[in-house]
Amino acid sequence: MTPTLETMIQFGDCDEAGIVFYPRYFYWMDSAYQGLVRLHGWNQRRLRNQFGMAGTPLVRATANFLAPATYDDALTVSTGIARWGNSSFEIGYKGVVQGHVVFEGWETRVWLVQTGGKPRAGAVPDDFRKALGVTTAKPEKADA
């Protein structure tokens, strides 16, 4: 996994108990995905222009919260591709504060293309796959 986001946790990221409010982790995962894309010279605008895609929306997001984090903690989120499908891909995340893993998360995104003015799932381009590679172990599925 590659570190793709470093942020200082702010007071406003926390609940009344001073612990990070869980939706913030999903925001940081999305920000870390954008960081991974930027590491390879793209952003959403450049992906649209180069590949004609409409976006990479989420169809699944999950996280395991392993330890508390609070304001003034420095959070590093590492990111990597766990799995490629034909039109989707799974991304793994690990958030670390002072050497301790505080969360692990996974997202499944779909590669959307425009066809006749309507977005639909399309094949993930080979250039995108090759650039991002496969850099994490396949995430474990949480028990239902």
C-alpha atoms as a PDB file:
ATOM      1  CA  MET A   1       0.000   0.000   0.000  1.00  0.00           C
ATOM      2  CA  THR A   2       1.106   3.541  -0.715  1.00  0.00           C
ATOM      3  CA  PRO A   3       0.587   6.494   1.647  1.00  0.00           C
ATOM      4  CA  THR A   4      -1.712   8.814  -0.298  1.00  0.00           C
ATOM      5  CA  LEU A   5      -3.164  11.090   2.390  1.00  0.00           C
ATOM      6  CA  GLU A   6      -1.693  12.749   5.438  1.00  0.00           C
ATOM      7  CA  THR A   7      -3.940  14.962   7.531  1.00  0.00           C
ATOM      8  CA  MET A   8      -4.120  16.445  10.987  1.00  0.00           C
ATOM      9  CA  ILE A   9      -7.376  15.443  12.647  1.00  0.00           C
ATOM     10  CA  GLN A  10      -9.295  18.578  13.610  1.00  0.00           C
ATOM     11  CA  PHE A  11     -11.611  19.175  16.564  1.00  0.00           C
ATOM     12  CA  GLY A  12     -14.515  19.405  14.083  1.00  0.00           C
ATOM     13  CA  ASP A  13     -13.789  15.850  12.866  1.00  0.00           C
ATOM     14  CA  CYS A  14     -14.721  14.490  16.297  1.00  0.00           C
ATOM     15  CA  ASP A  15     -17.900  13.753  18.217  1.00  0.00           C
ATOM     16  CA  GLU A  16     -18.705  15.071  21.700  1.00  0.00           C
ATOM     17  CA  ALA A  17     -16.454  12.431  23.258  1.00  0.00           C
ATOM     18  CA  GLY A  18     -13.491  13.761  21.245  1.00  0.00           C
ATOM     19  CA  ILE A  19     -13.302  10.623  19.065  1.00  0.00           C
ATOM     20  CA  VAL A  20     -13.337  10.828  15.267  1.00  0.00           C
ATOM     21  CA  PHE A  21     -16.939  10.709  14.003  1.00  0.00           C
ATOM     22  CA  TYR A  22     -17.046   7.615  11.769  1.00  0.00           C
ATOM     23  CA  PRO A  23     -18.237   9.314   8.503  1.00  0.00           C
ATOM     24  CA  ARG A  24     -14.958  11.249   8.442  1.00  0.00           C
ATOM     25  CA  TYR A  25     -13.101   7.993   7.748  1.00  0.00           C
ATOM     26  CA  PHE A  26     -15.150   7.515   4.553  1.00  0.00           C
ATOM     27  CA  TYR A  27     -14.307  11.082   3.490  1.00  0.00           C
ATOM     28  CA  TRP A  28     -10.613  10.375   4.107  1.00  0.00           C
ATOM     29  CA  MET A  29     -10.819   7.121   2.128  1.00  0.00           C
ATOM     30  CA  ASP A  30     -12.251   9.012  -0.851  1.00  0.00           C
ATOM     31  CA  SER A  31      -9.541  11.669  -0.486  1.00  0.00           C
ATOM     32  CA  ALA A  32      -6.875   8.939  -0.358  1.00  0.00           C
ATOM     33  CA  TYR A  33      -8.270   7.386  -3.570  1.00  0.00           C
ATOM     34  CA  GLN A  34      -7.981  10.776  -5.269  1.00  0.00           C
ATOM     35  CA  GLY A  35      -4.405  10.958  -3.947  1.00  0.00           C
ATOM     36  CA  LEU A  36      -3.618   7.546  -5.463  1.00  0.00           C
ATOM     37  CA  VAL A  37      -4.949   8.713  -8.828  1.00  0.00           C
ATOM     38  CA  ARG A  38      -2.876  11.926  -8.574  1.00  0.00           C
ATOM     39  CA  LEU A  39       0.292   9.925  -7.840  1.00  0.00           C
ATOM     40  CA  HIS A  40      -0.073   8.544 -11.362  1.00  0.00           C
ATOM     41  CA  GLY A  41      -0.551  11.943 -13.002  1.00  0.00           C
ATOM     42  CA  TRP A  42      -4.339  12.012 -13.221  1.00  0.00           C
ATOM     43  CA  ASN A  43      -7.262  13.702 -11.557  1.00  0.00           C
ATOM     44  CA  GLN A  44     -10.953  13.243 -12.336  1.00  0.00           C
ATOM     45  CA  ARG A  45     -10.875  15.877 -15.109  1.00  0.00           C
ATOM     46  CA  ARG A  46      -7.858  14.284 -16.806  1.00  0.00           C
ATOM     47  CA  LEU A  47      -9.399  10.796 -16.529  1.00  0.00           C
ATOM     48  CA  ARG A  48     -12.547  12.092 -18.234  1.00  0.00           C
ATOM     49  CA  ASN A  49     -10.535  13.738 -21.004  1.00  0.00           C
ATOM     50  CA  GLN A  50      -8.144  10.823 -21.588  1.00  0.00           C
ATOM     51  CA  PHE A  51     -10.538   7.893 -21.232  1.00  0.00           C
ATOM     52  CA  GLY A  52     -13.956   9.424 -21.875  1.00  0.00           C
ATOM     53  CA  MET A  53     -15.220   8.167 -18.544  1.00  0.00           C
ATOM     54  CA  ALA A  54     -18.124   9.699 -16.660  1.00  0.00           C
ATOM     55  CA  GLY A  55     -16.809   8.895 -13.182  1.00  0.00           C
ATOM     56  CA  THR A  56     -15.869   6.187 -10.706  1.00  0.00           C
ATOM     57  CA  PRO A  57     -18.822   6.116  -8.313  1.00  0.00           C
ATOM     58  CA  LEU A  58     -18.942   3.983  -5.191  1.00  0.00           C
ATOM     59  CA  VAL A  59     -21.163   0.930  -5.123  1.00  0.00           C
ATOM     60  CA  ARG A  60     -19.841  -0.402  -1.809  1.00  0.00           C
ATOM     61  CA  ALA A  61     -17.919   1.040   1.121  1.00  0.00           C
ATOM     62  CA  THR A  62     -17.047  -0.609   4.407  1.00  0.00           C
ATOM     63  CA  ALA A  63     -14.671  -0.033   7.295  1.00  0.00           C
ATOM     64  CA  ASN A  64     -13.427  -1.668  10.459  1.00  0.00           C
ATOM     65  CA  PHE A  65     -12.684   0.791  13.250  1.00  0.00           C
ATOM     66  CA  LEU A  66      -9.842  -0.730  15.246  1.00  0.00           C
ATOM     67  CA  ALA A  67      -8.778   1.992  17.675  1.00  0.00           C
ATOM     68  CA  PRO A  68      -9.911   5.508  18.536  1.00  0.00           C
ATOM     69  CA  ALA A  69      -8.335   8.616  17.064  1.00  0.00           C
ATOM     70  CA  THR A  70      -8.837  12.176  18.266  1.00  0.00           C
ATOM     71  CA  TYR A  71      -8.105  15.778  17.339  1.00  0.00           C
ATOM     72  CA  ASP A  72      -4.474  16.776  16.913  1.00  0.00           C
ATOM     73  CA  ASP A  73      -3.579  13.207  15.864  1.00  0.00           C
ATOM     74  CA  ALA A  74      -1.669  12.981  12.575  1.00  0.00           C
ATOM     75  CA  LEU A  75      -3.451  10.435  10.369  1.00  0.00           C
ATOM     76  CA  THR A  76      -1.752   8.716   7.428  1.00  0.00           C
ATOM     77  CA  VAL A  77      -3.977   6.772   5.040  1.00  0.00           C
ATOM     78  CA  SER A  78      -2.340   4.223   2.739  1.00  0.00           C
ATOM     79  CA  THR A  79      -4.151   3.010  -0.340  1.00  0.00           C
ATOM     80  CA  GLY A  80      -3.893   0.227  -2.887  1.00  0.00           C
ATOM     81  CA  ILE A  81      -5.894  -1.725  -5.432  1.00  0.00           C
ATOM     82  CA  ALA A  82      -7.090  -5.029  -4.018  1.00  0.00           C
ATOM     83  CA  ARG A  83      -8.971  -6.389  -7.034  1.00  0.00           C
ATOM     84  CA  TRP A  84      -9.757  -5.566 -10.639  1.00  0.00           C
ATOM     85  CA  GLY A  85     -12.991  -6.596 -12.310  1.00  0.00           C
ATOM     86  CA  ASN A  86     -13.988  -5.877 -15.904  1.00  0.00           C
ATOM     87  CA  SER A  87     -15.834  -2.662 -15.020  1.00  0.00           C
ATOM     88  CA  SER A  88     -15.124  -2.345 -11.306  1.00  0.00           C
ATOM     89  CA  PHE A  89     -12.231  -2.302  -8.882  1.00  0.00           C
ATOM     90  CA  GLU A  90     -11.775  -2.675  -5.154  1.00  0.00           C
ATOM     91  CA  ILE A  91      -9.534  -0.381  -3.146  1.00  0.00           C
ATOM     92  CA  GLY A  92      -8.085  -1.140   0.280  1.00  0.00           C
ATOM     93  CA  TYR A  93      -7.215   1.506   2.888  1.00  0.00           C
ATOM     94  CA  LYS A  94      -5.311   1.529   6.141  1.00  0.00           C
ATOM     95  CA  GLY A  95      -5.319   4.504   8.511  1.00  0.00           C
ATOM     96  CA  VAL A  96      -2.428   4.858  10.970  1.00  0.00           C
ATOM     97  CA  VAL A  97      -1.886   7.218  13.911  1.00  0.00           C
ATOM     98  CA  GLN A  98       1.468   7.111  15.725  1.00  0.00           C
ATOM     99  CA  GLY A  99       2.274   3.676  14.309  1.00  0.00           C
ATOM    100  CA  HIS A 100      -1.092   2.158  15.322  1.00  0.00           C
ATOM    101  CA  VAL A 101      -3.712   1.090  12.779  1.00  0.00           C
ATOM    102  CA  VAL A 102      -6.943   2.900  13.670  1.00  0.00           C
ATOM    103  CA  PHE A 103      -9.054   1.756  10.716  1.00  0.00           C
ATOM    104  CA  GLU A 104      -9.090  -0.451   7.648  1.00  0.00           C
ATOM    105  CA  GLY A 105     -11.553   0.134   4.846  1.00  0.00           C
ATOM    106  CA  TRP A 106     -12.543  -0.984   1.385  1.00  0.00           C
ATOM    107  CA  GLU A 107     -14.436   0.567  -1.479  1.00  0.00           C
ATOM    108  CA  THR A 108     -15.761  -0.902  -4.692  1.00  0.00           C
ATOM    109  CA  ARG A 109     -15.932   1.589  -7.544  1.00  0.00           C
ATOM    110  CA  VAL A 110     -17.416   1.219 -11.025  1.00  0.00           C
ATOM    111  CA  TRP A 111     -15.870   2.708 -14.166  1.00  0.00           C
ATOM    112  CA  LEU A 112     -18.674   4.668 -15.857  1.00  0.00           C
ATOM    113  CA  VAL A 113     -18.673   5.781 -19.492  1.00  0.00           C
ATOM    114  CA  GLN A 114     -21.150   7.998 -21.351  1.00  0.00           C
ATOM    115  CA  THR A 115     -23.221   6.270 -24.025  1.00  0.00           C
ATOM    116  CA  GLY A 116     -25.960   8.215 -25.743  1.00  0.00           C
ATOM    117  CA  GLY A 117     -26.030  10.726 -22.903  1.00  0.00           C
ATOM    118  CA  LYS A 118     -26.503   8.031 -20.265  1.00  0.00           C
ATOM    119  CA  PRO A 119     -23.786   6.713 -17.964  1.00  0.00           C
ATOM    120  CA  ARG A 120     -23.203   2.957 -17.950  1.00  0.00           C
ATOM    121  CA  ALA A 121     -20.537   0.599 -16.665  1.00  0.00           C
ATOM    122  CA  GLY A 122     -17.608   0.277 -19.050  1.00  0.00           C
ATOM    123  CA  ALA A 123     -14.362  -1.672 -19.133  1.00  0.00           C
ATOM    124  CA  VAL A 124     -11.595  -0.255 -16.953  1.00  0.00           C
ATOM    125  CA  PRO A 125      -8.854   0.852 -19.399  1.00  0.00           C
ATOM    126  CA  ASP A 126      -5.634  -1.184 -19.431  1.00  0.00           C
ATOM    127  CA  ASP A 127      -3.493   1.956 -18.975  1.00  0.00           C
ATOM    128  CA  PHE A 128      -5.355   2.771 -15.747  1.00  0.00           C
ATOM    129  CA  ARG A 129      -5.014  -0.828 -14.502  1.00  0.00           C
ATOM    130  CA  LYS A 130      -1.296  -0.975 -15.290  1.00  0.00           C
ATOM    131  CA  ALA A 131      -0.581   2.356 -13.608  1.00  0.00           C
ATOM    132  CA  LEU A 132      -2.401   1.535 -10.382  1.00  0.00           C
ATOM    133  CA  GLY A 133      -1.484  -2.171 -10.341  1.00  0.00           C
ATOM    134  CA  VAL A 134      -2.493  -4.512  -7.543  1.00  0.00           C
ATOM    135  CA  THR A 135      -0.881  -3.359  -4.324  1.00  0.00           C
ATOM    136  CA  THR A 136      -2.837  -4.834  -1.435  1.00  0.00           C
ATOM    137  CA  ALA A 137      -4.010  -8.183  -0.204  1.00  0.00           C
ATOM    138  CA  LYS A 138      -7.618  -8.969  -0.978  1.00  0.00           C
ATOM    139  CA  PRO A 139      -9.683  -7.564   1.875  1.00  0.00           C
ATOM    140  CA  GLU A 140     -11.308  -9.948   4.282  1.00  0.00           C
ATOM    141  CA  LYS A 141     -15.075  -9.955   4.161  1.00  0.00           C
ATOM    142  CA  ALA A 142     -16.717  -8.929   7.410  1.00  0.00           C
ATOM    143  CA  ASP A 143     -18.981 -11.491   9.036  1.00  0.00           C
ATOM    144  CA  ALA A 144     -22.664 -10.801   8.407  1.00  0.00           C
END
